[in-house]
Amino acid sequence: MKRNEEMKMTYSGIVTADGKKKVSVKFEEGERFAEGSIPDCKIVRSAGFEPDEIIVLEKYLQMNQMDIIKKAKEISGFQYLFR
């Protein structure tokens, strides 16, 4: 499996699901992907990543959650402009 491709991370604005606010996060590298959310900082769906790589992605979410939330708030603010 090729691992020299660039890892891309995308995230949603802040959404409410089951009465809780969260940010959905997706990591992609070629055909591989992993999806998780903040504030849980857990990967809930993935394909192609090894278990130790999932642990690293979850730690990344934990360490960077405040920055990701800040950026997600900016996206959420833009959503209100188009309603």
N, C-alpha and C. Protein backbone atom coordinates (compact mmCIF):
# COMPACT_ATOMS: atom_id res chain seq x y z
N MET A 1 0.84 -1.18 0.00
CA MET A 1 0.00 0.00 0.00
C MET A 1 0.89 1.24 0.00
N LYS A 2 0.62 2.16 -0.89
CA LYS A 2 1.40 3.40 -0.98
C LYS A 2 1.15 4.29 0.23
N ARG A 3 2.24 4.75 0.84
CA ARG A 3 2.09 5.61 2.01
C ARG A 3 2.80 6.94 1.83
N ASN A 4 3.18 7.25 0.60
CA ASN A 4 3.91 8.50 0.39
C ASN A 4 2.98 9.62 -0.09
N GLU A 5 1.68 9.38 -0.05
CA GLU A 5 0.74 10.42 -0.43
C GLU A 5 0.50 11.36 0.74
N GLU A 6 0.06 12.56 0.44
CA GLU A 6 -0.19 13.56 1.46
C GLU A 6 -1.47 13.23 2.24
N MET A 7 -1.37 13.32 3.56
CA MET A 7 -2.55 13.13 4.42
C MET A 7 -3.35 14.43 4.41
N LYS A 8 -4.64 14.31 4.17
CA LYS A 8 -5.52 15.47 4.17
C LYS A 8 -6.49 15.34 5.33
N MET A 9 -6.75 16.45 6.01
CA MET A 9 -7.73 16.48 7.08
C MET A 9 -8.79 17.51 6.74
N THR A 10 -10.04 17.10 6.80
CA THR A 10 -11.14 18.04 6.62
C THR A 10 -12.03 17.96 7.85
N TYR A 11 -12.80 19.01 8.08
CA TYR A 11 -13.67 19.04 9.26
C TYR A 11 -14.91 19.86 8.94
N SER A 12 -15.95 19.59 9.70
CA SER A 12 -17.22 20.29 9.53
C SER A 12 -17.23 21.54 10.38
N GLY A 13 -18.30 22.29 10.22
CA GLY A 13 -18.59 23.33 11.19
C GLY A 13 -19.12 22.64 12.44
N ILE A 14 -19.49 23.41 13.44
CA ILE A 14 -20.04 22.81 14.65
C ILE A 14 -21.48 22.40 14.36
N VAL A 15 -21.79 21.14 14.65
CA VAL A 15 -23.13 20.60 14.44
C VAL A 15 -23.66 20.06 15.76
N THR A 16 -24.97 19.95 15.85
CA THR A 16 -25.58 19.35 17.03
C THR A 16 -26.12 17.99 16.66
N ALA A 17 -25.69 16.98 17.40
CA ALA A 17 -26.15 15.60 17.18
C ALA A 17 -26.44 14.98 18.54
N ASP A 18 -27.60 14.40 18.68
CA ASP A 18 -28.01 13.80 19.95
C ASP A 18 -27.93 14.80 21.10
N GLY A 19 -28.25 16.06 20.81
CA GLY A 19 -28.25 17.09 21.83
C GLY A 19 -26.87 17.59 22.24
N LYS A 20 -25.81 17.14 21.54
CA LYS A 20 -24.45 17.56 21.86
C LYS A 20 -23.81 18.24 20.66
N LYS A 21 -23.01 19.27 20.92
CA LYS A 21 -22.27 19.94 19.86
C LYS A 21 -21.01 19.14 19.55
N LYS A 22 -20.72 19.02 18.25
CA LYS A 22 -19.52 18.29 17.86
C LYS A 22 -19.00 18.79 16.53
N VAL A 23 -17.78 18.40 16.22
CA VAL A 23 -17.15 18.68 14.93
C VAL A 23 -16.75 17.33 14.34
N SER A 24 -17.19 17.07 13.12
CA SER A 24 -16.80 15.84 12.43
C SER A 24 -15.46 16.08 11.73
N VAL A 25 -14.57 15.10 11.82
CA VAL A 25 -13.23 15.23 11.24
C VAL A 25 -12.96 14.00 10.38
N LYS A 26 -12.36 14.23 9.21
CA LYS A 26 -12.02 13.11 8.32
C LYS A 26 -10.57 13.25 7.88
N PHE A 27 -9.84 12.15 7.98
CA PHE A 27 -8.46 12.07 7.49
C PHE A 27 -8.48 11.20 6.24
N GLU A 28 -7.76 11.64 5.20
CA GLU A 28 -7.69 10.87 3.96
C GLU A 28 -6.25 10.83 3.46
N GLU A 29 -5.86 9.66 2.99
CA GLU A 29 -4.55 9.48 2.38
C GLU A 29 -4.72 8.42 1.29
N GLY A 30 -4.78 8.87 0.05
CA GLY A 30 -5.05 7.94 -1.05
C GLY A 30 -6.40 7.29 -0.86
N GLU A 31 -6.43 5.96 -0.84
CA GLU A 31 -7.68 5.22 -0.66
C GLU A 31 -8.05 5.03 0.81
N ARG A 32 -7.13 5.37 1.69
CA ARG A 32 -7.37 5.19 3.12
C ARG A 32 -8.14 6.37 3.69
N PHE A 33 -9.00 6.10 4.69
CA PHE A 33 -9.70 7.19 5.36
C PHE A 33 -9.97 6.81 6.81
N ALA A 34 -10.17 7.83 7.63
CA ALA A 34 -10.58 7.64 9.02
C ALA A 34 -11.48 8.81 9.39
N GLU A 35 -12.61 8.50 10.02
CA GLU A 35 -13.56 9.54 10.42
C GLU A 35 -13.73 9.51 11.93
N GLY A 36 -13.73 10.68 12.52
CA GLY A 36 -13.92 10.80 13.96
C GLY A 36 -14.63 12.09 14.29
N SER A 37 -14.66 12.43 15.57
CA SER A 37 -15.31 13.66 15.98
C SER A 37 -14.64 14.24 17.22
N ILE A 38 -14.88 15.49 17.41
CA ILE A 38 -14.44 16.23 18.59
C ILE A 38 -15.72 16.70 19.27
N PRO A 39 -15.89 16.60 20.57
CA PRO A 39 -14.87 16.46 21.59
C PRO A 39 -14.54 15.02 21.98
N ASP A 40 -15.18 14.02 21.37
CA ASP A 40 -14.90 12.63 21.75
C ASP A 40 -13.46 12.22 21.43
N CYS A 41 -12.90 12.78 20.37
CA CYS A 41 -11.53 12.46 19.94
C CYS A 41 -11.37 10.96 19.69
N LYS A 42 -12.38 10.36 19.09
CA LYS A 42 -12.36 8.94 18.76
C LYS A 42 -12.61 8.76 17.27
N ILE A 43 -11.87 7.84 16.66
CA ILE A 43 -12.12 7.47 15.28
C ILE A 43 -13.24 6.44 15.31
N VAL A 44 -14.31 6.70 14.56
CA VAL A 44 -15.48 5.82 14.60
C VAL A 44 -15.62 4.97 13.36
N ARG A 45 -14.93 5.35 12.30
CA ARG A 45 -14.99 4.59 11.05
C ARG A 45 -13.69 4.77 10.31
N SER A 46 -13.17 3.67 9.75
CA SER A 46 -11.91 3.80 9.01
C SER A 46 -11.76 2.65 8.04
N ALA A 47 -10.87 2.84 7.07
CA ALA A 47 -10.50 1.79 6.13
C ALA A 47 -9.06 2.02 5.72
N GLY A 48 -8.24 0.98 5.87
CA GLY A 48 -6.86 1.04 5.42
C GLY A 48 -5.84 1.47 6.46
N PHE A 49 -6.28 2.00 7.60
CA PHE A 49 -5.35 2.40 8.65
C PHE A 49 -5.16 1.24 9.63
N GLU A 50 -3.93 1.09 10.09
CA GLU A 50 -3.60 0.08 11.09
C GLU A 50 -4.05 0.57 12.47
N PRO A 51 -4.30 -0.33 13.43
CA PRO A 51 -4.72 0.09 14.77
C PRO A 51 -3.78 1.09 15.43
N ASP A 52 -2.48 0.93 15.26
CA ASP A 52 -1.54 1.90 15.86
C ASP A 52 -1.64 3.26 15.20
N GLU A 53 -1.98 3.30 13.92
CA GLU A 53 -2.17 4.58 13.23
C GLU A 53 -3.44 5.27 13.72
N ILE A 54 -4.48 4.51 14.01
CA ILE A 54 -5.73 5.06 14.56
C ILE A 54 -5.44 5.73 15.90
N ILE A 55 -4.63 5.10 16.72
CA ILE A 55 -4.26 5.67 18.02
C ILE A 55 -3.56 7.01 17.83
N VAL A 56 -2.67 7.10 16.84
CA VAL A 56 -1.97 8.35 16.56
C VAL A 56 -2.95 9.43 16.11
N LEU A 57 -3.91 9.07 15.25
CA LEU A 57 -4.91 10.05 14.80
C LEU A 57 -5.77 10.53 15.96
N GLU A 58 -6.16 9.64 16.86
CA GLU A 58 -6.95 10.04 18.03
C GLU A 58 -6.15 10.97 18.94
N LYS A 59 -4.87 10.69 19.11
CA LYS A 59 -4.02 11.59 19.90
C LYS A 59 -3.89 12.96 19.23
N TYR A 60 -3.80 12.95 17.90
CA TYR A 60 -3.76 14.22 17.17
C TYR A 60 -5.03 15.03 17.45
N LEU A 61 -6.19 14.36 17.41
CA LEU A 61 -7.45 15.06 17.70
C LEU A 61 -7.44 15.64 19.10
N GLN A 62 -6.96 14.87 20.07
CA GLN A 62 -6.89 15.34 21.46
C GLN A 62 -5.99 16.56 21.59
N MET A 63 -4.82 16.48 20.98
CA MET A 63 -3.83 17.56 21.13
C MET A 63 -4.22 18.82 20.38
N ASN A 64 -5.04 18.69 19.33
CA ASN A 64 -5.36 19.83 18.49
C ASN A 64 -6.83 20.21 18.52
N GLN A 65 -7.59 19.67 19.46
CA GLN A 65 -9.02 19.91 19.43
C GLN A 65 -9.41 21.37 19.60
N MET A 66 -8.71 22.13 20.41
CA MET A 66 -9.07 23.54 20.59
C MET A 66 -8.89 24.32 19.29
N ASP A 67 -7.81 24.05 18.57
CA ASP A 67 -7.56 24.72 17.30
C ASP A 67 -8.61 24.31 16.25
N ILE A 68 -8.95 23.03 16.22
CA ILE A 68 -9.95 22.55 15.25
C ILE A 68 -11.32 23.15 15.58
N ILE A 69 -11.66 23.22 16.87
CA ILE A 69 -12.95 23.83 17.26
C ILE A 69 -12.98 25.30 16.85
N LYS A 70 -11.89 26.00 17.06
CA LYS A 70 -11.81 27.42 16.68
C LYS A 70 -12.07 27.58 15.18
N LYS A 71 -11.44 26.73 14.37
CA LYS A 71 -11.63 26.81 12.92
C LYS A 71 -13.04 26.39 12.53
N ALA A 72 -13.61 25.41 13.24
CA ALA A 72 -14.97 24.97 12.95
C ALA A 72 -15.97 26.07 13.26
N LYS A 73 -15.71 26.87 14.29
CA LYS A 73 -16.59 28.00 14.62
C LYS A 73 -16.61 29.02 13.48
N GLU A 74 -15.48 29.20 12.83
CA GLU A 74 -15.42 30.12 11.69
C GLU A 74 -16.30 29.61 10.56
N ILE A 75 -16.26 28.31 10.30
CA ILE A 75 -17.12 27.72 9.27
C ILE A 75 -18.58 27.89 9.65
N SER A 76 -18.91 27.63 10.91
CA SER A 76 -20.29 27.75 11.38
C SER A 76 -20.79 29.17 11.22
N GLY A 77 -19.93 30.14 11.46
CA GLY A 77 -20.32 31.54 11.31
C GLY A 77 -20.69 31.86 9.87
N PHE A 78 -19.97 31.30 8.90
CA PHE A 78 -20.28 31.53 7.49
C PHE A 78 -21.60 30.88 7.08
N GLN A 79 -21.96 29.79 7.72
CA GLN A 79 -23.20 29.10 7.38
C GLN A 79 -24.41 30.02 7.61
N TYR A 80 -24.35 30.84 8.64
CA TYR A 80 -25.48 31.72 8.94
C TYR A 80 -25.65 32.83 7.90
N LEU A 81 -24.58 33.17 7.18
CA LEU A 81 -24.68 34.19 6.15
C LEU A 81 -25.55 33.74 4.97
N PHE A 82 -25.63 32.44 4.76
CA PHE A 82 -26.34 31.92 3.58
C PHE A 82 -27.71 31.36 3.89
N ARG A 83 -28.24 31.63 5.05
CA ARG A 83 -29.58 31.16 5.41
C ARG A 83 -30.63 32.18 5.04
